[in-house]
Amino acid sequence: MGIDTIGKQGEPFSKASLEFIKKIHAEYKDVTLQVDGAVNATTIGLLSEAGVARFVVGSWLSNGHAKDKIQELKNLI
């Protein structure tokens, strides 16, 4: 999870989760990491650099044309 409080959309990104992801990726490079929670245009690059390969995007997509927003995210990773 990219958030501290699980259960609703729109929660802020957890910097602690990013450090945890980096640690897991360093120890288990063969494991595909996926993150759900606070995935958006600001965080996706950080998550990708930390080793995340799959992203679950929720509320960020609802604020505009989803197809364009998905392409925006693809361009950032």
N, C-alpha and C. Protein backbone atom coordinates (compact mmCIF):
# COMPACT_ATOMS: atom_id res chain seq x y z
N MET A 1 0.84 -1.18 0.00
CA MET A 1 0.00 0.00 0.00
C MET A 1 0.88 1.24 0.00
N GLY A 2 0.45 2.22 -0.74
CA GLY A 2 1.18 3.48 -0.79
C GLY A 2 0.63 4.50 0.20
N ILE A 3 -0.26 4.04 1.08
CA ILE A 3 -0.90 4.91 2.07
C ILE A 3 -0.82 4.28 3.45
N ASP A 4 -1.01 5.10 4.47
CA ASP A 4 -0.97 4.59 5.84
C ASP A 4 -2.33 4.05 6.30
N THR A 5 -3.40 4.74 5.93
CA THR A 5 -4.74 4.36 6.37
C THR A 5 -5.48 3.68 5.22
N ILE A 6 -5.75 2.40 5.40
CA ILE A 6 -6.40 1.61 4.35
C ILE A 6 -7.92 1.69 4.52
N GLY A 7 -8.63 1.80 3.41
CA GLY A 7 -10.07 1.74 3.49
C GLY A 7 -10.83 2.76 2.68
N LYS A 8 -10.15 3.82 2.25
CA LYS A 8 -10.87 4.80 1.42
C LYS A 8 -9.92 5.43 0.42
N GLN A 9 -10.46 5.88 -0.68
CA GLN A 9 -9.66 6.52 -1.72
C GLN A 9 -9.32 7.95 -1.32
N GLY A 10 -8.25 8.46 -1.93
CA GLY A 10 -7.87 9.85 -1.74
C GLY A 10 -6.93 10.09 -0.56
N GLU A 11 -6.43 9.02 0.05
CA GLU A 11 -5.51 9.17 1.17
C GLU A 11 -4.15 9.67 0.66
N PRO A 12 -3.41 10.41 1.49
CA PRO A 12 -2.10 10.92 1.05
C PRO A 12 -1.06 9.81 0.95
N PHE A 13 -0.08 10.04 0.10
CA PHE A 13 1.03 9.09 -0.10
C PHE A 13 1.87 8.98 1.16
N SER A 14 2.30 7.78 1.46
CA SER A 14 3.14 7.51 2.63
C SER A 14 4.60 7.38 2.22
N LYS A 15 5.44 8.33 2.66
CA LYS A 15 6.87 8.25 2.35
C LYS A 15 7.50 7.02 3.00
N ALA A 16 6.95 6.57 4.12
CA ALA A 16 7.45 5.36 4.77
C ALA A 16 7.25 4.14 3.87
N SER A 17 6.16 4.11 3.11
CA SER A 17 5.93 2.98 2.20
C SER A 17 6.99 2.94 1.11
N LEU A 18 7.44 4.10 0.67
CA LEU A 18 8.47 4.15 -0.37
C LEU A 18 9.77 3.53 0.13
N GLU A 19 10.15 3.83 1.34
CA GLU A 19 11.36 3.23 1.92
C GLU A 19 11.20 1.71 2.07
N PHE A 20 10.03 1.28 2.47
CA PHE A 20 9.75 -0.15 2.60
C PHE A 20 9.85 -0.85 1.24
N ILE A 21 9.30 -0.23 0.23
CA ILE A 21 9.35 -0.79 -1.13
C ILE A 21 10.79 -0.93 -1.59
N LYS A 22 11.59 0.10 -1.37
CA LYS A 22 13.01 0.04 -1.76
C LYS A 22 13.72 -1.12 -1.07
N LYS A 23 13.43 -1.31 0.21
CA LYS A 23 14.06 -2.39 0.97
C LYS A 23 13.64 -3.76 0.41
N ILE A 24 12.35 -3.93 0.18
CA ILE A 24 11.85 -5.20 -0.35
C ILE A 24 12.44 -5.47 -1.74
N HIS A 25 12.47 -4.45 -2.58
CA HIS A 25 13.01 -4.63 -3.93
C HIS A 25 14.49 -5.02 -3.89
N ALA A 26 15.26 -4.42 -3.00
CA ALA A 26 16.68 -4.74 -2.88
C ALA A 26 16.89 -6.19 -2.43
N GLU A 27 16.03 -6.68 -1.57
CA GLU A 27 16.17 -8.04 -1.05
C GLU A 27 15.58 -9.10 -1.97
N TYR A 28 14.55 -8.75 -2.73
CA TYR A 28 13.83 -9.72 -3.56
C TYR A 28 13.65 -9.18 -4.98
N LYS A 29 14.75 -9.05 -5.71
CA LYS A 29 14.70 -8.45 -7.05
C LYS A 29 13.83 -9.24 -8.04
N ASP A 30 13.64 -10.52 -7.78
CA ASP A 30 12.86 -11.35 -8.70
C ASP A 30 11.36 -11.28 -8.44
N VAL A 31 10.94 -10.58 -7.41
CA VAL A 31 9.53 -10.45 -7.07
C VAL A 31 8.95 -9.21 -7.75
N THR A 32 7.81 -9.37 -8.41
CA THR A 32 7.12 -8.24 -9.03
C THR A 32 6.34 -7.49 -7.97
N LEU A 33 6.65 -6.21 -7.81
CA LEU A 33 5.98 -5.39 -6.81
C LEU A 33 4.84 -4.59 -7.43
N GLN A 34 3.75 -4.50 -6.68
CA GLN A 34 2.57 -3.74 -7.09
C GLN A 34 2.17 -2.83 -5.95
N VAL A 35 1.75 -1.61 -6.27
CA VAL A 35 1.31 -0.67 -5.24
C VAL A 35 -0.09 -0.17 -5.56
N ASP A 36 -0.88 -0.13 -4.52
CA ASP A 36 -2.23 0.43 -4.56
C ASP A 36 -2.28 1.51 -3.50
N GLY A 37 -2.81 2.66 -3.83
CA GLY A 37 -2.96 3.74 -2.86
C GLY A 37 -2.04 4.90 -3.17
N ALA A 38 -2.62 6.04 -3.48
CA ALA A 38 -1.90 7.28 -3.76
C ALA A 38 -1.01 7.19 -5.00
N VAL A 39 -1.41 6.37 -5.96
CA VAL A 39 -0.68 6.31 -7.22
C VAL A 39 -1.24 7.40 -8.12
N ASN A 40 -0.36 8.32 -8.53
CA ASN A 40 -0.78 9.44 -9.37
C ASN A 40 0.44 9.97 -10.13
N ALA A 41 0.29 11.07 -10.83
CA ALA A 41 1.37 11.62 -11.65
C ALA A 41 2.55 12.07 -10.80
N THR A 42 2.34 12.39 -9.56
CA THR A 42 3.42 12.82 -8.67
C THR A 42 4.19 11.63 -8.11
N THR A 43 3.51 10.54 -7.81
CA THR A 43 4.16 9.42 -7.11
C THR A 43 4.61 8.29 -8.02
N ILE A 44 4.06 8.16 -9.21
CA ILE A 44 4.35 6.99 -10.03
C ILE A 44 5.83 6.89 -10.41
N GLY A 45 6.47 8.00 -10.67
CA GLY A 45 7.90 7.98 -11.00
C GLY A 45 8.74 7.51 -9.82
N LEU A 46 8.41 7.99 -8.64
CA LEU A 46 9.11 7.58 -7.42
C LEU A 46 8.94 6.08 -7.18
N LEU A 47 7.72 5.61 -7.37
CA LEU A 47 7.42 4.20 -7.16
C LEU A 47 8.14 3.33 -8.19
N SER A 48 8.15 3.76 -9.43
CA SER A 48 8.83 3.02 -10.48
C SER A 48 10.33 2.93 -10.19
N GLU A 49 10.94 4.04 -9.81
CA GLU A 49 12.36 4.06 -9.48
C GLU A 49 12.68 3.16 -8.28
N ALA A 50 11.72 3.02 -7.37
CA ALA A 50 11.92 2.18 -6.18
C ALA A 50 11.80 0.70 -6.49
N GLY A 51 11.27 0.36 -7.69
CA GLY A 51 11.17 -1.04 -8.08
C GLY A 51 9.78 -1.56 -8.33
N VAL A 52 8.79 -0.70 -8.26
CA VAL A 52 7.41 -1.13 -8.49
C VAL A 52 7.19 -1.31 -10.00
N ALA A 53 6.54 -2.41 -10.36
CA ALA A 53 6.29 -2.72 -11.77
C ALA A 53 4.81 -2.65 -12.14
N ARG A 54 3.94 -2.74 -11.12
CA ARG A 54 2.49 -2.70 -11.37
C ARG A 54 1.86 -1.66 -10.45
N PHE A 55 0.89 -0.95 -10.99
CA PHE A 55 0.27 0.16 -10.26
C PHE A 55 -1.25 0.06 -10.29
N VAL A 56 -1.86 0.31 -9.16
CA VAL A 56 -3.32 0.36 -9.07
C VAL A 56 -3.69 1.82 -8.85
N VAL A 57 -4.42 2.37 -9.82
CA VAL A 57 -4.78 3.79 -9.76
C VAL A 57 -6.29 3.89 -9.57
N GLY A 58 -6.71 4.65 -8.57
CA GLY A 58 -8.14 4.77 -8.27
C GLY A 58 -8.65 6.18 -8.45
N SER A 59 -8.72 6.92 -7.37
CA SER A 59 -9.38 8.22 -7.38
C SER A 59 -8.73 9.22 -8.32
N TRP A 60 -7.44 9.12 -8.56
CA TRP A 60 -6.77 10.06 -9.45
C TRP A 60 -7.37 10.01 -10.86
N LEU A 61 -7.82 8.84 -11.28
CA LEU A 61 -8.42 8.70 -12.61
C LEU A 61 -9.77 9.37 -12.74
N SER A 62 -10.46 9.53 -11.63
CA SER A 62 -11.81 10.09 -11.69
C SER A 62 -11.83 11.60 -11.89
N ASN A 63 -10.68 12.23 -11.85
CA ASN A 63 -10.60 13.69 -12.01
C ASN A 63 -10.19 14.08 -13.41
N GLY A 64 -10.85 13.56 -14.41
CA GLY A 64 -10.53 13.88 -15.79
C GLY A 64 -10.83 12.72 -16.71
N HIS A 65 -10.40 12.84 -17.92
CA HIS A 65 -10.61 11.80 -18.93
C HIS A 65 -9.64 10.66 -18.65
N ALA A 66 -10.15 9.49 -18.28
CA ALA A 66 -9.33 8.37 -17.82
C ALA A 66 -8.30 7.93 -18.86
N LYS A 67 -8.68 7.87 -20.12
CA LYS A 67 -7.75 7.42 -21.16
C LYS A 67 -6.53 8.34 -21.23
N ASP A 68 -6.76 9.64 -21.17
CA ASP A 68 -5.66 10.60 -21.21
C ASP A 68 -4.79 10.51 -19.95
N LYS A 69 -5.43 10.30 -18.82
CA LYS A 69 -4.69 10.21 -17.56
C LYS A 69 -3.84 8.94 -17.52
N ILE A 70 -4.35 7.85 -18.05
CA ILE A 70 -3.56 6.62 -18.12
C ILE A 70 -2.34 6.81 -19.00
N GLN A 71 -2.52 7.46 -20.13
CA GLN A 71 -1.38 7.73 -21.02
C GLN A 71 -0.37 8.63 -20.32
N GLU A 72 -0.84 9.61 -19.57
CA GLU A 72 0.07 10.50 -18.82
C GLU A 72 0.95 9.68 -17.86
N LEU A 73 0.34 8.74 -17.16
CA LEU A 73 1.10 7.90 -16.23
C LEU A 73 2.10 7.02 -16.97
N LYS A 74 1.68 6.45 -18.08
CA LYS A 74 2.58 5.61 -18.86
C LYS A 74 3.80 6.40 -19.31
N ASN A 75 3.60 7.65 -19.65
CA ASN A 75 4.71 8.49 -20.09
C ASN A 75 5.68 8.82 -18.95
N LEU A 76 5.24 8.68 -17.72
CA LEU A 76 6.08 9.02 -16.57
C LEU A 76 6.92 7.85 -16.07
N ILE A 77 6.61 6.64 -16.54
CA ILE A 77 7.39 5.48 -16.06
C ILE A 77 8.25 4.90 -17.15
